[in-house]
Amino acid sequence: QVQLVESGGGLVQAGGSLSLSCAASGSINRVNSMGWYRQAPGKQRELVAVITSGGSTNYASSVKGRFTISRDNAKNTVYLQMNSLKPEDTAVYYCNAFVTVLTDLRGYSYTYWGQGTQVTVSS
């Protein structure tokens, strides 16, 4: 089993900053891409940012230039630094990881999700 444990989030005023982190643990052979998604009330979950094991990144246009995703491969941890936050960034943020596990000496890859952490930006 693989677990993703998120930390960070909270309440901040518009223009402020917050950081999130997410650590993957368990029977991991390899953590491939890692990313952050968010879901606001009444809306569908959407991609915020993703980073490959090699460090390539991709961002939603709404956060480009304000958010930075990074990772520590040795710790199987992904981070999201959020600056210049806006009220429309308010959502539950979910960590996501595409992980390869070994079963009977064969590798199988699955997508795992964190439990979600609330980010609230007041105007």
C-alpha atoms as a PDB file:
ATOM      1  CA  GLN A   1       0.000   0.000   0.000  1.00  0.00           C
ATOM      2  CA  VAL A   2       1.042   3.568  -0.663  1.00  0.00           C
ATOM      3  CA  GLN A   3       0.002   6.565   1.407  1.00  0.00           C
ATOM      4  CA  LEU A   4       0.196  10.243   0.545  1.00  0.00           C
ATOM      5  CA  VAL A   5       0.237  12.554   3.548  1.00  0.00           C
ATOM      6  CA  GLU A   6      -0.287  16.256   2.952  1.00  0.00           C
ATOM      7  CA  SER A   7       0.570  19.153   5.193  1.00  0.00           C
ATOM      8  CA  GLY A   8       0.239  22.887   4.975  1.00  0.00           C
ATOM      9  CA  GLY A   9      -2.703  24.918   3.807  1.00  0.00           C
ATOM     10  CA  GLY A  10      -4.892  27.116   5.947  1.00  0.00           C
ATOM     11  CA  LEU A  11      -6.302  30.616   5.829  1.00  0.00           C
ATOM     12  CA  VAL A  12      -4.503  33.579   4.282  1.00  0.00           C
ATOM     13  CA  GLN A  13      -5.406  37.017   3.015  1.00  0.00           C
ATOM     14  CA  ALA A  14      -5.351  37.824  -0.667  1.00  0.00           C
ATOM     15  CA  GLY A  15      -1.828  38.532  -1.820  1.00  0.00           C
ATOM     16  CA  GLY A  16      -0.343  36.255   0.787  1.00  0.00           C
ATOM     17  CA  SER A  17       1.562  32.999   0.485  1.00  0.00           C
ATOM     18  CA  LEU A  18       1.134  29.422   1.593  1.00  0.00           C
ATOM     19  CA  SER A  19       3.081  26.249   1.051  1.00  0.00           C
ATOM     20  CA  LEU A  20       1.922  22.666   0.799  1.00  0.00           C
ATOM     21  CA  SER A  21       3.883  19.459   1.043  1.00  0.00           C
ATOM     22  CA  CYS A  22       3.003  15.849   0.366  1.00  0.00           C
ATOM     23  CA  ALA A  23       5.070  12.809   1.293  1.00  0.00           C
ATOM     24  CA  ALA A  24       4.576   9.409  -0.288  1.00  0.00           C
ATOM     25  CA  SER A  25       5.337   6.326   1.783  1.00  0.00           C
ATOM     26  CA  GLY A  26       4.770   2.596   1.701  1.00  0.00           C
ATOM     27  CA  SER A  27       5.763  -0.177  -0.672  1.00  0.00           C
ATOM     28  CA  ILE A  28       7.214   2.128  -3.307  1.00  0.00           C
ATOM     29  CA  ASN A  29       9.532   1.027  -6.046  1.00  0.00           C
ATOM     30  CA  ARG A  30       9.468   4.314  -7.914  1.00  0.00           C
ATOM     31  CA  VAL A  31       7.522   7.562  -7.715  1.00  0.00           C
ATOM     32  CA  ASN A  32       6.930   8.820 -11.224  1.00  0.00           C
ATOM     33  CA  SER A  33       4.992  12.044 -11.701  1.00  0.00           C
ATOM     34  CA  MET A  34       3.646  13.951  -8.715  1.00  0.00           C
ATOM     35  CA  GLY A  35       1.204  16.795  -8.745  1.00  0.00           C
ATOM     36  CA  TRP A  36      -1.404  18.935  -7.123  1.00  0.00           C
ATOM     37  CA  TYR A  37      -5.069  19.232  -7.994  1.00  0.00           C
ATOM     38  CA  ARG A  38      -7.761  21.362  -6.432  1.00  0.00           C
ATOM     39  CA  GLN A  39     -11.501  21.310  -6.118  1.00  0.00           C
ATOM     40  CA  ALA A  40     -13.594  24.326  -5.234  1.00  0.00           C
ATOM     41  CA  PRO A  41     -17.181  23.970  -3.988  1.00  0.00           C
ATOM     42  CA  GLY A  42     -19.513  23.118  -6.841  1.00  0.00           C
ATOM     43  CA  LYS A  43     -16.669  22.692  -9.314  1.00  0.00           C
ATOM     44  CA  GLN A  44     -14.795  19.788 -10.795  1.00  0.00           C
ATOM     45  CA  ARG A  45     -11.346  18.832  -9.612  1.00  0.00           C
ATOM     46  CA  GLU A  46      -8.713  20.516 -11.755  1.00  0.00           C
ATOM     47  CA  LEU A  47      -5.000  20.209 -12.290  1.00  0.00           C
ATOM     48  CA  VAL A  48      -2.888  22.856 -10.595  1.00  0.00           C
ATOM     49  CA  ALA A  49       0.644  21.675 -11.320  1.00  0.00           C
ATOM     50  CA  VAL A  50       2.549  18.499 -12.078  1.00  0.00           C
ATOM     51  CA  ILE A  51       6.222  17.542 -11.968  1.00  0.00           C
ATOM     52  CA  THR A  52       7.919  14.502 -13.456  1.00  0.00           C
ATOM     53  CA  SER A  53      10.641  12.481 -11.785  1.00  0.00           C
ATOM     54  CA  GLY A  54      13.102  14.315 -14.008  1.00  0.00           C
ATOM     55  CA  GLY A  55      11.883  17.704 -12.849  1.00  0.00           C
ATOM     56  CA  SER A  56       9.815  18.821 -15.830  1.00  0.00           C
ATOM     57  CA  THR A  57       6.844  20.901 -14.748  1.00  0.00           C
ATOM     58  CA  ASN A  58       3.477  21.934 -16.081  1.00  0.00           C
ATOM     59  CA  TYR A  59       1.068  24.467 -14.604  1.00  0.00           C
ATOM     60  CA  ALA A  60      -2.518  25.499 -15.043  1.00  0.00           C
ATOM     61  CA  SER A  61      -2.633  28.854 -16.778  1.00  0.00           C
ATOM     62  CA  SER A  62      -4.475  30.342 -13.794  1.00  0.00           C
ATOM     63  CA  VAL A  63      -1.529  29.747 -11.459  1.00  0.00           C
ATOM     64  CA  LYS A  64       1.438  30.123 -13.796  1.00  0.00           C
ATOM     65  CA  GLY A  65       3.882  32.676 -12.443  1.00  0.00           C
ATOM     66  CA  ARG A  66       2.392  32.544  -8.944  1.00  0.00           C
ATOM     67  CA  PHE A  67       2.761  28.893  -7.904  1.00  0.00           C
ATOM     68  CA  THR A  68       5.902  26.769  -7.958  1.00  0.00           C
ATOM     69  CA  ILE A  69       5.962  22.986  -7.764  1.00  0.00           C
ATOM     70  CA  SER A  70       9.093  21.134  -6.700  1.00  0.00           C
ATOM     71  CA  ARG A  71      10.035  17.731  -5.371  1.00  0.00           C
ATOM     72  CA  ASP A  72      12.636  15.909  -3.341  1.00  0.00           C
ATOM     73  CA  ASN A  73      13.079  12.502  -4.932  1.00  0.00           C
ATOM     74  CA  ALA A  74      15.091  11.164  -2.000  1.00  0.00           C
ATOM     75  CA  LYS A  75      12.149  11.901   0.305  1.00  0.00           C
ATOM     76  CA  ASN A  76       9.382  11.068  -2.196  1.00  0.00           C
ATOM     77  CA  THR A  77       7.946  14.469  -1.379  1.00  0.00           C
ATOM     78  CA  VAL A  78       6.343  17.111  -3.548  1.00  0.00           C
ATOM     79  CA  TYR A  79       5.907  20.754  -2.601  1.00  0.00           C
ATOM     80  CA  LEU A  80       3.711  23.581  -3.813  1.00  0.00           C
ATOM     81  CA  GLN A  81       4.692  27.151  -3.045  1.00  0.00           C
ATOM     82  CA  MET A  82       1.747  29.462  -3.591  1.00  0.00           C
ATOM     83  CA  ASN A  83       2.362  33.199  -3.828  1.00  0.00           C
ATOM     84  CA  SER A  84       0.115  36.149  -4.654  1.00  0.00           C
ATOM     85  CA  LEU A  85      -2.893  34.125  -3.638  1.00  0.00           C
ATOM     86  CA  LYS A  86      -6.332  35.173  -4.828  1.00  0.00           C
ATOM     87  CA  PRO A  87      -9.787  34.391  -3.414  1.00  0.00           C
ATOM     88  CA  GLU A  88     -10.415  32.217  -6.478  1.00  0.00           C
ATOM     89  CA  ASP A  89      -7.573  29.960  -5.331  1.00  0.00           C
ATOM     90  CA  THR A  90      -9.785  28.851  -2.440  1.00  0.00           C
ATOM     91  CA  ALA A  91     -10.285  25.104  -2.705  1.00  0.00           C
ATOM     92  CA  VAL A  92      -9.375  21.746  -1.260  1.00  0.00           C
ATOM     93  CA  TYR A  93      -5.954  20.857  -2.621  1.00  0.00           C
ATOM     94  CA  TYR A  94      -5.151  17.208  -3.325  1.00  0.00           C
ATOM     95  CA  CYS A  95      -1.769  15.640  -3.787  1.00  0.00           C
ATOM     96  CA  ASN A  96      -1.456  13.084  -6.583  1.00  0.00           C
ATOM     97  CA  ALA A  97       1.288  10.595  -7.373  1.00  0.00           C
ATOM     98  CA  PHE A  98       1.812   7.983 -10.073  1.00  0.00           C
ATOM     99  CA  VAL A  99       3.685   5.240  -8.270  1.00  0.00           C
ATOM    100  CA  THR A 100       5.251   1.974  -9.333  1.00  0.00           C
ATOM    101  CA  VAL A 101       5.045  -0.852  -6.809  1.00  0.00           C
ATOM    102  CA  LEU A 102       6.533  -4.340  -7.022  1.00  0.00           C
ATOM    103  CA  THR A 103       4.244  -7.349  -6.801  1.00  0.00           C
ATOM    104  CA  ASP A 104       5.771 -10.792  -7.311  1.00  0.00           C
ATOM    105  CA  LEU A 105       8.857  -9.044  -8.713  1.00  0.00           C
ATOM    106  CA  ARG A 106       6.794  -7.285 -11.368  1.00  0.00           C
ATOM    107  CA  GLY A 107       6.208  -3.555 -11.475  1.00  0.00           C
ATOM    108  CA  TYR A 108       2.711  -2.161 -11.524  1.00  0.00           C
ATOM    109  CA  SER A 109       1.884   1.544 -11.628  1.00  0.00           C
ATOM    110  CA  TYR A 110      -1.055   3.137  -9.906  1.00  0.00           C
ATOM    111  CA  THR A 111      -2.368   6.624  -9.185  1.00  0.00           C
ATOM    112  CA  TYR A 112      -2.713   7.585  -5.547  1.00  0.00           C
ATOM    113  CA  TRP A 113      -4.370  10.587  -3.891  1.00  0.00           C
ATOM    114  CA  GLY A 114      -3.861  12.410  -0.645  1.00  0.00           C
ATOM    115  CA  GLN A 115      -6.690  13.196   1.727  1.00  0.00           C
ATOM    116  CA  GLY A 116      -6.884  16.851   0.719  1.00  0.00           C
ATOM    117  CA  THR A 117      -6.044  20.036   2.565  1.00  0.00           C
ATOM    118  CA  GLN A 118      -8.120  23.205   2.667  1.00  0.00           C
ATOM    119  CA  VAL A 119      -6.729  26.462   1.332  1.00  0.00           C
ATOM    120  CA  THR A 120      -8.857  29.527   1.968  1.00  0.00           C
ATOM    121  CA  VAL A 121      -7.963  32.966   0.642  1.00  0.00           C
ATOM    122  CA  SER A 122      -9.930  35.878   2.054  1.00  0.00           C
ATOM    123  CA  SER A 123     -10.460  39.088   0.148  1.00  0.00           C
END
